[in-house]
Amino acid sequence: MRSDAVHRLSSSATTDLRCTTPENRPAATKPTPPPDRQGTAVSEPASQPSNPARDSWPRLDQPRIAPVEQASWSAAQQALLEPIAQRGRLCNVHKTLANHPRLLGDWLPFATYVLRDNTLPVRDREILILRIGYLCRAEYELAQHARIGKRAGLTDDDLRRIAAGPAADGLSEHERLLLKAVDELHAGALVGNATWNALSKTYNTQQMMDLVFTVGEYNMVSMALNSFGVPLDDDLEPFPQ
């Protein structure tokens, strides 16, 4: 385990990393043509339809990679996990990723930036994370970020609208644009021109960049934790139906 990775973890704020249970994605939409040299997209990606009922989401019966419990920690794992445990934030996601200490140590600083230090308003950030978690059928991520989102001011009705997507009744125009951006990134790996231009009226360049990296980070984490079968923590409440 490299010492610089351990130092970065110990000196940074602990991240609340979120994700999930297994997923079969909906049928892929036709890929969006790449932008031209001036950055003008040839066509707009479509928003994704709502997912099937959550009780039909496939899940692993047991973890493929088991969380590492404290009694079994190596020195490298202890250096990474003990500071998190001392803050009362040690979750199954951390203990699962600790099976690969170098990966965990190098990834945590970026994950901490996305979760705690990026330039987006906290409520907006949570809308993005919850939507990509829903599209990825990521029960762990949904449960963790429903709790965080409520601290940021989201209600159960807000959570249901996030799950329903950009066509849901009761969304503000800004909320609708956030959900469209997530759906477009998930469907075609590109925020369409109309959505980009509309969000750019209220977001600066750094915020637009953080939007894309926030969605990308939690999409990646959802893939990993769905595939690893990270079990829910005991204190998590289900995402509202």
C-alpha atoms as a PDB file:
ATOM      1  CA  MET A   1       0.000   0.000   0.000  1.00  0.00           C
ATOM      2  CA  ARG A   2       1.524   3.306  -0.970  1.00  0.00           C
ATOM      3  CA  SER A   3       2.016   5.748   1.874  1.00  0.00           C
ATOM      4  CA  ASP A   4       0.763   8.747  -0.141  1.00  0.00           C
ATOM      5  CA  ALA A   5      -2.629   7.094  -0.594  1.00  0.00           C
ATOM      6  CA  VAL A   6      -2.907   6.433   3.155  1.00  0.00           C
ATOM      7  CA  HIS A   7      -1.890  10.022   3.904  1.00  0.00           C
ATOM      8  CA  ARG A   8      -4.532  11.420   1.549  1.00  0.00           C
ATOM      9  CA  LEU A   9      -7.251   9.366   3.176  1.00  0.00           C
ATOM     10  CA  SER A  10      -6.232  10.187   6.736  1.00  0.00           C
ATOM     11  CA  SER A  11      -6.052  13.929   6.064  1.00  0.00           C
ATOM     12  CA  SER A  12      -9.267  14.282   4.038  1.00  0.00           C
ATOM     13  CA  ALA A  13     -12.882  14.376   5.130  1.00  0.00           C
ATOM     14  CA  THR A  14     -14.433  10.907   5.152  1.00  0.00           C
ATOM     15  CA  THR A  15     -16.729  10.246   2.256  1.00  0.00           C
ATOM     16  CA  ASP A  16     -20.231   8.736   2.426  1.00  0.00           C
ATOM     17  CA  LEU A  17     -19.844   6.464  -0.579  1.00  0.00           C
ATOM     18  CA  ARG A  18     -23.047   4.997  -1.881  1.00  0.00           C
ATOM     19  CA  CYS A  19     -24.128   2.214  -4.075  1.00  0.00           C
ATOM     20  CA  THR A  20     -25.862  -0.915  -4.712  1.00  0.00           C
ATOM     21  CA  THR A  21     -27.252  -4.272  -5.657  1.00  0.00           C
ATOM     22  CA  PRO A  22     -27.158  -5.993  -9.049  1.00  0.00           C
ATOM     23  CA  GLU A  23     -28.739  -4.618 -12.181  1.00  0.00           C
ATOM     24  CA  ASN A  24     -29.879  -5.590 -15.635  1.00  0.00           C
ATOM     25  CA  ARG A  25     -30.045  -2.390 -17.595  1.00  0.00           C
ATOM     26  CA  PRO A  26     -32.943  -1.570 -19.919  1.00  0.00           C
ATOM     27  CA  ALA A  27     -32.277  -2.198 -23.581  1.00  0.00           C
ATOM     28  CA  ALA A  28     -29.633   0.242 -24.742  1.00  0.00           C
ATOM     29  CA  THR A  29     -30.782   3.163 -26.832  1.00  0.00           C
ATOM     30  CA  LYS A  30     -29.055   3.930 -30.115  1.00  0.00           C
ATOM     31  CA  PRO A  31     -25.772   5.724 -29.353  1.00  0.00           C
ATOM     32  CA  THR A  32     -25.735   9.472 -29.950  1.00  0.00           C
ATOM     33  CA  PRO A  33     -23.402  10.611 -32.747  1.00  0.00           C
ATOM     34  CA  PRO A  34     -20.262  12.314 -31.439  1.00  0.00           C
ATOM     35  CA  PRO A  35     -19.950  16.117 -31.405  1.00  0.00           C
ATOM     36  CA  ASP A  36     -18.326  17.901 -34.314  1.00  0.00           C
ATOM     37  CA  ARG A  37     -15.092  19.835 -33.928  1.00  0.00           C
ATOM     38  CA  GLN A  38     -16.942  22.898 -32.648  1.00  0.00           C
ATOM     39  CA  GLY A  39     -18.622  20.870 -29.894  1.00  0.00           C
ATOM     40  CA  THR A  40     -22.103  20.944 -31.455  1.00  0.00           C
ATOM     41  CA  ALA A  41     -23.892  17.640 -30.965  1.00  0.00           C
ATOM     42  CA  VAL A  42     -25.317  16.143 -34.112  1.00  0.00           C
ATOM     43  CA  SER A  43     -28.480  15.005 -32.311  1.00  0.00           C
ATOM     44  CA  GLU A  44     -29.956  15.101 -28.819  1.00  0.00           C
ATOM     45  CA  PRO A  45     -29.920  12.003 -26.583  1.00  0.00           C
ATOM     46  CA  ALA A  46     -33.359  10.969 -25.434  1.00  0.00           C
ATOM     47  CA  SER A  47     -34.400  10.767 -21.786  1.00  0.00           C
ATOM     48  CA  GLN A  48     -34.704   7.247 -20.437  1.00  0.00           C
ATOM     49  CA  PRO A  49     -38.110   5.751 -19.682  1.00  0.00           C
ATOM     50  CA  SER A  50     -38.900   4.858 -16.084  1.00  0.00           C
ATOM     51  CA  ASN A  51     -37.485   1.562 -14.865  1.00  0.00           C
ATOM     52  CA  PRO A  52     -39.640  -1.486 -14.107  1.00  0.00           C
ATOM     53  CA  ALA A  53     -41.006  -1.979 -10.605  1.00  0.00           C
ATOM     54  CA  ARG A  54     -38.177  -2.240  -8.117  1.00  0.00           C
ATOM     55  CA  ASP A  55     -39.288  -5.632  -6.830  1.00  0.00           C
ATOM     56  CA  SER A  56     -38.310  -6.971 -10.264  1.00  0.00           C
ATOM     57  CA  TRP A  57     -34.736  -5.640 -10.045  1.00  0.00           C
ATOM     58  CA  PRO A  58     -32.290  -8.550 -10.043  1.00  0.00           C
ATOM     59  CA  ARG A  59     -30.060  -8.878  -6.985  1.00  0.00           C
ATOM     60  CA  LEU A  60     -27.265 -11.161  -5.858  1.00  0.00           C
ATOM     61  CA  ASP A  61     -28.261 -13.559  -3.102  1.00  0.00           C
ATOM     62  CA  GLN A  62     -24.948 -13.012  -1.355  1.00  0.00           C
ATOM     63  CA  PRO A  63     -21.850 -10.844  -1.803  1.00  0.00           C
ATOM     64  CA  ARG A  64     -19.353 -11.898  -4.422  1.00  0.00           C
ATOM     65  CA  ILE A  65     -16.707  -9.962  -2.490  1.00  0.00           C
ATOM     66  CA  ALA A  66     -17.321 -10.026   1.256  1.00  0.00           C
ATOM     67  CA  PRO A  67     -16.743  -6.962   3.424  1.00  0.00           C
ATOM     68  CA  VAL A  68     -13.509  -7.214   5.426  1.00  0.00           C
ATOM     69  CA  GLU A  69     -14.350  -7.243   9.138  1.00  0.00           C
ATOM     70  CA  GLN A  70     -12.082  -5.560  11.671  1.00  0.00           C
ATOM     71  CA  ALA A  71     -10.679  -8.752  13.127  1.00  0.00           C
ATOM     72  CA  SER A  72      -9.254  -9.611   9.699  1.00  0.00           C
ATOM     73  CA  TRP A  73      -7.778  -6.232   8.743  1.00  0.00           C
ATOM     74  CA  SER A  74      -4.258  -6.165   7.382  1.00  0.00           C
ATOM     75  CA  ALA A  75      -2.007  -3.252   8.272  1.00  0.00           C
ATOM     76  CA  ALA A  76      -2.876  -1.554   4.974  1.00  0.00           C
ATOM     77  CA  GLN A  77      -6.595  -2.047   5.508  1.00  0.00           C
ATOM     78  CA  GLN A  78      -6.372  -0.747   9.066  1.00  0.00           C
ATOM     79  CA  ALA A  79      -4.589   2.409   7.911  1.00  0.00           C
ATOM     80  CA  LEU A  80      -7.476   3.123   5.536  1.00  0.00           C
ATOM     81  CA  LEU A  81     -10.458   1.989   7.574  1.00  0.00           C
ATOM     82  CA  GLU A  82      -9.607   2.962  11.136  1.00  0.00           C
ATOM     83  CA  PRO A  83      -9.897   6.740  10.546  1.00  0.00           C
ATOM     84  CA  ILE A  84     -13.302   6.186   8.966  1.00  0.00           C
ATOM     85  CA  ALA A  85     -14.422   3.969  11.845  1.00  0.00           C
ATOM     86  CA  GLN A  86     -13.295   6.575  14.380  1.00  0.00           C
ATOM     87  CA  ARG A  87     -15.621   9.083  12.728  1.00  0.00           C
ATOM     88  CA  GLY A  88     -18.521   6.636  12.919  1.00  0.00           C
ATOM     89  CA  ARG A  89     -18.817   6.424   9.145  1.00  0.00           C
ATOM     90  CA  LEU A  90     -17.566   2.915   8.371  1.00  0.00           C
ATOM     91  CA  CYS A  91     -20.018   1.217   6.004  1.00  0.00           C
ATOM     92  CA  ASN A  92     -20.118  -2.019   4.062  1.00  0.00           C
ATOM     93  CA  VAL A  93     -19.024  -0.167   0.946  1.00  0.00           C
ATOM     94  CA  HIS A  94     -15.722   0.813   2.614  1.00  0.00           C
ATOM     95  CA  LYS A  95     -15.149  -2.656   4.012  1.00  0.00           C
ATOM     96  CA  THR A  96     -15.836  -4.250   0.624  1.00  0.00           C
ATOM     97  CA  LEU A  97     -13.507  -1.961  -1.295  1.00  0.00           C
ATOM     98  CA  ALA A  98     -10.848  -2.586   1.355  1.00  0.00           C
ATOM     99  CA  ASN A  99     -10.265  -5.931  -0.353  1.00  0.00           C
ATOM    100  CA  HIS A 100      -8.204  -3.783  -2.755  1.00  0.00           C
ATOM    101  CA  PRO A 101      -6.400  -1.281  -0.467  1.00  0.00           C
ATOM    102  CA  ARG A 102      -4.473   0.485  -3.202  1.00  0.00           C
ATOM    103  CA  LEU A 103      -7.642   1.060  -5.218  1.00  0.00           C
ATOM    104  CA  LEU A 104      -9.555   2.262  -2.160  1.00  0.00           C
ATOM    105  CA  GLY A 105      -6.773   4.593  -1.074  1.00  0.00           C
ATOM    106  CA  ASP A 106      -6.384   6.207  -4.483  1.00  0.00           C
ATOM    107  CA  TRP A 107     -10.128   6.437  -5.186  1.00  0.00           C
ATOM    108  CA  LEU A 108     -11.296   7.923  -1.870  1.00  0.00           C
ATOM    109  CA  PRO A 109      -9.876  11.435  -2.415  1.00  0.00           C
ATOM    110  CA  PHE A 110     -11.777  11.828  -5.693  1.00  0.00           C
ATOM    111  CA  ALA A 111     -14.940  10.343  -4.228  1.00  0.00           C
ATOM    112  CA  THR A 112     -14.635  12.723  -1.293  1.00  0.00           C
ATOM    113  CA  TYR A 113     -14.326  15.671  -3.674  1.00  0.00           C
ATOM    114  CA  VAL A 114     -17.443  14.667  -5.579  1.00  0.00           C
ATOM    115  CA  LEU A 115     -19.493  14.111  -2.444  1.00  0.00           C
ATOM    116  CA  ARG A 116     -18.308  16.878  -0.150  1.00  0.00           C
ATOM    117  CA  ASP A 117     -16.300  19.507  -1.994  1.00  0.00           C
ATOM    118  CA  ASN A 118     -17.695  20.003  -5.473  1.00  0.00           C
ATOM    119  CA  THR A 119     -19.223  23.294  -6.602  1.00  0.00           C
ATOM    120  CA  LEU A 120     -22.839  22.162  -6.972  1.00  0.00           C
ATOM    121  CA  PRO A 121     -25.544  23.046  -4.449  1.00  0.00           C
ATOM    122  CA  VAL A 122     -25.948  20.050  -2.123  1.00  0.00           C
ATOM    123  CA  ARG A 123     -29.604  19.519  -3.000  1.00  0.00           C
ATOM    124  CA  ASP A 124     -28.803  19.521  -6.732  1.00  0.00           C
ATOM    125  CA  ARG A 125     -25.949  17.088  -6.185  1.00  0.00           C
ATOM    126  CA  GLU A 126     -28.256  14.676  -4.397  1.00  0.00           C
ATOM    127  CA  ILE A 127     -30.871  14.880  -7.152  1.00  0.00           C
ATOM    128  CA  LEU A 128     -28.188  13.859  -9.653  1.00  0.00           C
ATOM    129  CA  ILE A 129     -26.890  11.023  -7.474  1.00  0.00           C
ATOM    130  CA  LEU A 130     -30.337   9.646  -6.703  1.00  0.00           C
ATOM    131  CA  ARG A 131     -31.384   9.702 -10.343  1.00  0.00           C
ATOM    132  CA  ILE A 132     -28.311   7.847 -11.585  1.00  0.00           C
ATOM    133  CA  GLY A 133     -28.704   5.441  -8.664  1.00  0.00           C
ATOM    134  CA  TYR A 134     -32.267   4.768  -9.735  1.00  0.00           C
ATOM    135  CA  LEU A 135     -31.320   4.254 -13.378  1.00  0.00           C
ATOM    136  CA  CYS A 136     -28.583   1.853 -12.241  1.00  0.00           C
ATOM    137  CA  ARG A 137     -31.077   0.058  -9.942  1.00  0.00           C
ATOM    138  CA  ALA A 138     -28.667   0.693  -7.109  1.00  0.00           C
ATOM    139  CA  GLU A 139     -30.490  -0.065  -3.864  1.00  0.00           C
ATOM    140  CA  TYR A 140     -27.478   0.689  -1.667  1.00  0.00           C
ATOM    141  CA  GLU A 141     -26.920   4.055  -3.303  1.00  0.00           C
ATOM    142  CA  LEU A 142     -30.616   4.908  -3.153  1.00  0.00           C
ATOM    143  CA  ALA A 143     -30.886   4.051   0.519  1.00  0.00           C
ATOM    144  CA  GLN A 144     -27.771   5.982   1.511  1.00  0.00           C
ATOM    145  CA  HIS A 145     -28.566   9.049  -0.555  1.00  0.00           C
ATOM    146  CA  ALA A 146     -32.232   9.174   0.363  1.00  0.00           C
ATOM    147  CA  ARG A 147     -30.963   9.829   3.882  1.00  0.00           C
ATOM    148  CA  ILE A 148     -28.378  12.380   2.752  1.00  0.00           C
ATOM    149  CA  GLY A 149     -30.857  13.999   0.379  1.00  0.00           C
ATOM    150  CA  LYS A 150     -33.377  14.502   3.156  1.00  0.00           C
ATOM    151  CA  ARG A 151     -30.714  16.322   5.151  1.00  0.00           C
ATOM    152  CA  ALA A 152     -30.338  18.577   2.111  1.00  0.00           C
ATOM    153  CA  GLY A 153     -34.064  19.311   2.029  1.00  0.00           C
ATOM    154  CA  LEU A 154     -35.513  16.605  -0.221  1.00  0.00           C
ATOM    155  CA  THR A 155     -38.870  15.103   0.797  1.00  0.00           C
ATOM    156  CA  ASP A 156     -40.349  11.681   0.117  1.00  0.00           C
ATOM    157  CA  ASP A 157     -42.408  13.289  -2.667  1.00  0.00           C
ATOM    158  CA  ASP A 158     -39.199  14.698  -4.161  1.00  0.00           C
ATOM    159  CA  LEU A 159     -37.650  11.232  -4.067  1.00  0.00           C
ATOM    160  CA  ARG A 160     -40.627   9.752  -5.897  1.00  0.00           C
ATOM    161  CA  ARG A 161     -40.409  12.459  -8.569  1.00  0.00           C
ATOM    162  CA  ILE A 162     -36.691  11.771  -9.001  1.00  0.00           C
ATOM    163  CA  ALA A 163     -37.486   8.092  -9.554  1.00  0.00           C
ATOM    164  CA  ALA A 164     -40.259   8.947 -12.016  1.00  0.00           C
ATOM    165  CA  GLY A 165     -37.903  11.074 -14.107  1.00  0.00           C
ATOM    166  CA  PRO A 166     -38.039  14.351 -16.052  1.00  0.00           C
ATOM    167  CA  ALA A 167     -41.698  13.924 -17.073  1.00  0.00           C
ATOM    168  CA  ALA A 168     -42.912  13.758 -13.449  1.00  0.00           C
ATOM    169  CA  ASP A 169     -45.485  16.298 -12.287  1.00  0.00           C
ATOM    170  CA  GLY A 170     -44.430  18.825  -9.669  1.00  0.00           C
ATOM    171  CA  LEU A 171     -40.806  19.323 -10.733  1.00  0.00           C
ATOM    172  CA  SER A 172     -39.340  22.790 -11.095  1.00  0.00           C
ATOM    173  CA  GLU A 173     -37.784  23.565 -14.458  1.00  0.00           C
ATOM    174  CA  HIS A 174     -34.307  23.384 -12.906  1.00  0.00           C
ATOM    175  CA  GLU A 175     -35.034  19.982 -11.345  1.00  0.00           C
ATOM    176  CA  ARG A 176     -36.358  18.736 -14.681  1.00  0.00           C
ATOM    177  CA  LEU A 177     -33.159  19.830 -16.399  1.00  0.00           C
ATOM    178  CA  LEU A 178     -31.015  18.043 -13.816  1.00  0.00           C
ATOM    179  CA  LEU A 179     -32.933  14.812 -14.340  1.00  0.00           C
ATOM    180  CA  LYS A 180     -32.723  15.203 -18.136  1.00  0.00           C
ATOM    181  CA  ALA A 181     -28.964  15.663 -17.898  1.00  0.00           C
ATOM    182  CA  VAL A 182     -28.627  12.419 -15.931  1.00  0.00           C
ATOM    183  CA  ASP A 183     -30.864  10.510 -18.325  1.00  0.00           C
ATOM    184  CA  GLU A 184     -28.950  11.784 -21.338  1.00  0.00           C
ATOM    185  CA  LEU A 185     -25.588  10.856 -19.813  1.00  0.00           C
ATOM    186  CA  HIS A 186     -26.891   7.396 -18.896  1.00  0.00           C
ATOM    187  CA  ALA A 187     -28.449   6.796 -22.323  1.00  0.00           C
ATOM    188  CA  GLY A 188     -25.807   8.252 -24.620  1.00  0.00           C
ATOM    189  CA  ALA A 189     -22.830   9.496 -22.558  1.00  0.00           C
ATOM    190  CA  LEU A 190     -23.578  13.062 -23.701  1.00  0.00           C
ATOM    191  CA  VAL A 191     -25.563  15.970 -22.260  1.00  0.00           C
ATOM    192  CA  GLY A 192     -27.624  17.270 -25.165  1.00  0.00           C
ATOM    193  CA  ASN A 193     -27.317  20.843 -26.408  1.00  0.00           C
ATOM    194  CA  ALA A 194     -30.719  22.008 -25.186  1.00  0.00           C
ATOM    195  CA  THR A 195     -30.120  20.679 -21.673  1.00  0.00           C
ATOM    196  CA  TRP A 196     -26.540  21.952 -21.541  1.00  0.00           C
ATOM    197  CA  ASN A 197     -27.464  25.423 -22.717  1.00  0.00           C
ATOM    198  CA  ALA A 198     -30.402  25.708 -20.324  1.00  0.00           C
ATOM    199  CA  LEU A 199     -28.367  24.596 -17.283  1.00  0.00           C
ATOM    200  CA  SER A 200     -25.526  26.909 -18.305  1.00  0.00           C
ATOM    201  CA  LYS A 201     -27.815  29.871 -17.669  1.00  0.00           C
ATOM    202  CA  THR A 202     -27.589  29.163 -13.914  1.00  0.00           C
ATOM    203  CA  TYR A 203     -24.423  27.041 -13.635  1.00  0.00           C
ATOM    204  CA  ASN A 204     -20.906  28.259 -14.343  1.00  0.00           C
ATOM    205  CA  THR A 205     -18.286  26.207 -16.201  1.00  0.00           C
ATOM    206  CA  GLN A 206     -16.962  24.511 -13.057  1.00  0.00           C
ATOM    207  CA  GLN A 207     -20.454  23.521 -12.007  1.00  0.00           C
ATOM    208  CA  MET A 208     -21.211  22.047 -15.411  1.00  0.00           C
ATOM    209  CA  MET A 209     -18.020  20.018 -15.169  1.00  0.00           C
ATOM    210  CA  ASP A 210     -18.888  18.869 -11.648  1.00  0.00           C
ATOM    211  CA  LEU A 211     -22.346  17.813 -12.835  1.00  0.00           C
ATOM    212  CA  VAL A 212     -20.843  15.432 -15.390  1.00  0.00           C
ATOM    213  CA  PHE A 213     -18.264  14.049 -12.963  1.00  0.00           C
ATOM    214  CA  THR A 214     -20.870  13.565 -10.225  1.00  0.00           C
ATOM    215  CA  VAL A 215     -23.067  11.483 -12.489  1.00  0.00           C
ATOM    216  CA  GLY A 216     -20.076   9.589 -13.843  1.00  0.00           C
ATOM    217  CA  GLU A 217     -18.676   8.838 -10.383  1.00  0.00           C
ATOM    218  CA  TYR A 218     -21.912   7.399  -9.059  1.00  0.00           C
ATOM    219  CA  ASN A 219     -22.594   5.479 -12.257  1.00  0.00           C
ATOM    220  CA  MET A 220     -19.182   3.846 -11.885  1.00  0.00           C
ATOM    221  CA  VAL A 221     -19.694   3.108  -8.206  1.00  0.00           C
ATOM    222  CA  SER A 222     -23.128   1.638  -8.929  1.00  0.00           C
ATOM    223  CA  MET A 223     -21.593  -0.743 -11.455  1.00  0.00           C
ATOM    224  CA  ALA A 224     -18.921  -1.839  -9.014  1.00  0.00           C
ATOM    225  CA  LEU A 225     -21.146  -2.300  -6.004  1.00  0.00           C
ATOM    226  CA  ASN A 226     -23.941  -3.976  -7.935  1.00  0.00           C
ATOM    227  CA  SER A 227     -21.391  -6.431  -9.319  1.00  0.00           C
ATOM    228  CA  PHE A 228     -19.666  -7.008  -5.967  1.00  0.00           C
ATOM    229  CA  GLY A 229     -22.990  -7.477  -4.162  1.00  0.00           C
ATOM    230  CA  VAL A 230     -22.329  -5.019  -1.338  1.00  0.00           C
ATOM    231  CA  PRO A 231     -24.941  -5.722   1.375  1.00  0.00           C
ATOM    232  CA  LEU A 232     -27.065  -2.940   2.802  1.00  0.00           C
ATOM    233  CA  ASP A 233     -26.010  -1.537   6.161  1.00  0.00           C
ATOM    234  CA  ASP A 234     -28.349  -2.363   9.038  1.00  0.00           C
ATOM    235  CA  ASP A 235     -29.354   1.256   9.655  1.00  0.00           C
ATOM    236  CA  LEU A 236     -30.524   2.016   6.118  1.00  0.00           C
ATOM    237  CA  GLU A 237     -34.194   2.600   5.382  1.00  0.00           C
ATOM    238  CA  PRO A 238     -35.635   1.572   2.017  1.00  0.00           C
ATOM    239  CA  PHE A 239     -36.003   4.149  -0.714  1.00  0.00           C
ATOM    240  CA  PRO A 240     -39.700   5.155  -0.852  1.00  0.00           C
ATOM    241  CA  GLN A 241     -41.856   3.417  -3.464  1.00  0.00           C
END
